[in-house]
């Protein structure tokens, strides 16, 4: 995966947006555990500005 945008200095534990080798987007963020999701899926929360930064970095 290629990191398109991220919001922390350590590069590991932070909200981030990635472009996968399949041409899809993967996101890393704080787990939202108060909404039920289907098995194998999760909802994460990231800042809106991070999505905008990632959109600008997408080839």
C-alpha atoms as a PDB file:
ATOM      1  CA  UNK A   1       0.000   0.000   0.000  1.00  0.00           C
ATOM      2  CA  UNK A   2       1.046   3.565  -0.651  1.00  0.00           C
ATOM      3  CA  UNK A   3       0.391   6.134   2.064  1.00  0.00           C
ATOM      4  CA  UNK A   4      -1.419   9.137   0.565  1.00  0.00           C
ATOM      5  CA  UNK A   5      -1.988  11.133   3.747  1.00  0.00           C
ATOM      6  CA  UNK A   6      -1.447  10.868   7.488  1.00  0.00           C
ATOM      7  CA  UNK A   7      -1.744  13.064  10.551  1.00  0.00           C
ATOM      8  CA  UNK A   8       1.011  12.032  12.947  1.00  0.00           C
ATOM      9  CA  UNK A   9       4.757  12.103  13.315  1.00  0.00           C
ATOM     10  CA  UNK A  10       5.479   8.463  14.206  1.00  0.00           C
ATOM     11  CA  UNK A  11       3.972   7.133  10.947  1.00  0.00           C
ATOM     12  CA  UNK A  12       2.471   4.088  12.646  1.00  0.00           C
ATOM     13  CA  UNK A  13      -0.326   4.830  15.092  1.00  0.00           C
ATOM     14  CA  UNK A  14      -2.365   7.596  13.462  1.00  0.00           C
ATOM     15  CA  UNK A  15      -5.230   8.316  11.091  1.00  0.00           C
ATOM     16  CA  UNK A  16      -4.026   7.650   7.564  1.00  0.00           C
ATOM     17  CA  UNK A  17      -5.284   7.019   4.028  1.00  0.00           C
ATOM     18  CA  UNK A  18      -3.623   4.484   1.725  1.00  0.00           C
ATOM     19  CA  UNK A  19      -3.927   3.557  -1.953  1.00  0.00           C
ATOM     20  CA  UNK A  20      -3.885  -0.238  -2.394  1.00  0.00           C
ATOM     21  CA  UNK A  21      -2.320  -2.190  -5.231  1.00  0.00           C
ATOM     22  CA  UNK A  22      -5.876  -2.976  -6.395  1.00  0.00           C
ATOM     23  CA  UNK A  23      -6.656   0.724  -6.862  1.00  0.00           C
ATOM     24  CA  UNK A  24      -8.841   0.950  -3.757  1.00  0.00           C
ATOM     25  CA  UNK A  25      -8.569   3.158  -0.675  1.00  0.00           C
ATOM     26  CA  UNK A  26      -7.810   1.810   2.808  1.00  0.00           C
ATOM     27  CA  UNK A  27      -8.108   3.970   5.913  1.00  0.00           C
ATOM     28  CA  UNK A  28      -6.630   3.718   9.401  1.00  0.00           C
ATOM     29  CA  UNK A  29      -8.294   5.515  12.278  1.00  0.00           C
ATOM     30  CA  UNK A  30      -9.979   5.230  15.637  1.00  0.00           C
ATOM     31  CA  UNK A  31     -12.379   2.284  15.759  1.00  0.00           C
ATOM     32  CA  UNK A  32     -16.048   3.237  16.003  1.00  0.00           C
ATOM     33  CA  UNK A  33     -17.426   0.480  18.223  1.00  0.00           C
ATOM     34  CA  UNK A  34     -20.879   1.858  18.979  1.00  0.00           C
ATOM     35  CA  UNK A  35     -22.258   0.903  15.545  1.00  0.00           C
ATOM     36  CA  UNK A  36     -22.770  -2.760  14.678  1.00  0.00           C
ATOM     37  CA  UNK A  37     -21.117  -3.856  11.443  1.00  0.00           C
ATOM     38  CA  UNK A  38     -21.197  -7.143   9.531  1.00  0.00           C
ATOM     39  CA  UNK A  39     -18.584  -9.748  10.403  1.00  0.00           C
ATOM     40  CA  UNK A  40     -15.256  -8.855   8.833  1.00  0.00           C
ATOM     41  CA  UNK A  41     -16.039  -5.130   8.508  1.00  0.00           C
ATOM     42  CA  UNK A  42     -15.261  -2.139  10.700  1.00  0.00           C
ATOM     43  CA  UNK A  43     -15.951   1.571  10.756  1.00  0.00           C
ATOM     44  CA  UNK A  44     -13.109   3.940  11.549  1.00  0.00           C
ATOM     45  CA  UNK A  45     -13.144   7.666  12.167  1.00  0.00           C
ATOM     46  CA  UNK A  46     -10.689  10.054  10.493  1.00  0.00           C
ATOM     47  CA  UNK A  47     -10.578  13.846  10.086  1.00  0.00           C
ATOM     48  CA  UNK A  48     -12.292  15.323   6.988  1.00  0.00           C
ATOM     49  CA  UNK A  49      -9.113  17.270   6.185  1.00  0.00           C
ATOM     50  CA  UNK A  50      -7.284  13.953   5.875  1.00  0.00           C
ATOM     51  CA  UNK A  51      -9.670  12.785   3.133  1.00  0.00           C
ATOM     52  CA  UNK A  52      -9.205  16.052   1.271  1.00  0.00           C
ATOM     53  CA  UNK A  53      -5.417  15.695   1.488  1.00  0.00           C
ATOM     54  CA  UNK A  54      -5.644  12.121   0.229  1.00  0.00           C
ATOM     55  CA  UNK A  55      -7.933  13.150  -2.653  1.00  0.00           C
ATOM     56  CA  UNK A  56      -5.363  15.715  -3.748  1.00  0.00           C
ATOM     57  CA  UNK A  57      -2.581  13.103  -3.572  1.00  0.00           C
ATOM     58  CA  UNK A  58      -4.446  10.439  -5.559  1.00  0.00           C
ATOM     59  CA  UNK A  59      -2.925   9.870  -8.990  1.00  0.00           C
END
